[in-house]
């Protein structure tokens, strides 16, 4: 069980975690951290439930979790909206990082990872992403996708084949071509279906391959249901 809920008949999770937060983080902030934890847990439970329902409804989909040792309490990167709290544990905390990979027809589609601890006989959510929620200031720790994380894979509908210059082919010349891909146009057809047009811009090319085209591709974007 990887959650923050409490099955009927077992000890209350809030009481468990209030004591855990007091012991491992701050004796004076245990109740406050437990209170802050409640909506995070609710978000995770709702999102995960929607995700599992969508996977079950799609007989070609699978959810593959991979559990590994956590990455510590101190983030080594952050987004502009996330602010470090400076809070750390006073007693050692064993964190785990679980990656969730969704496949559809054996193709990888969407993946994400969350931080957990093992307490009271279960893995319990401790943060969205690689680090625990207390590493961030209240309100900047992120959230789970409200409607779940299931999505359909992108579908390629048009491809521009690269041209191998005859001189380069004759001389067995090859090299790395660096391209930037820009999502520069969104199209909607008469049925209301959306497409994305991507323009490829060549950044660097070996001299022998300068005639390679930098064109565009058109595809149906990956989307969440």
Foldseek 3Di string as FASTA:
>chain_A
DEAQQDPPPDDGSLVQQLVVCCQWFNVVCSNVVSVLVVVQRVLVVQQVVLAVVVQVVQVQKDKDKDKDWADDAADPDDDPLWAFPPTGTPDDFTKMKMKIWMDGNNHTADIAIFIWGQPPNYTYGQAGHRHGQNRTDRPRRDHHDNNYDDKDAKFFDDDDDKDQPPVCVVVVHDDDWDKDKDQDDWDADPVRAIKTKIWIDTDDDPPNRVPIDRGITIIRHIDDD
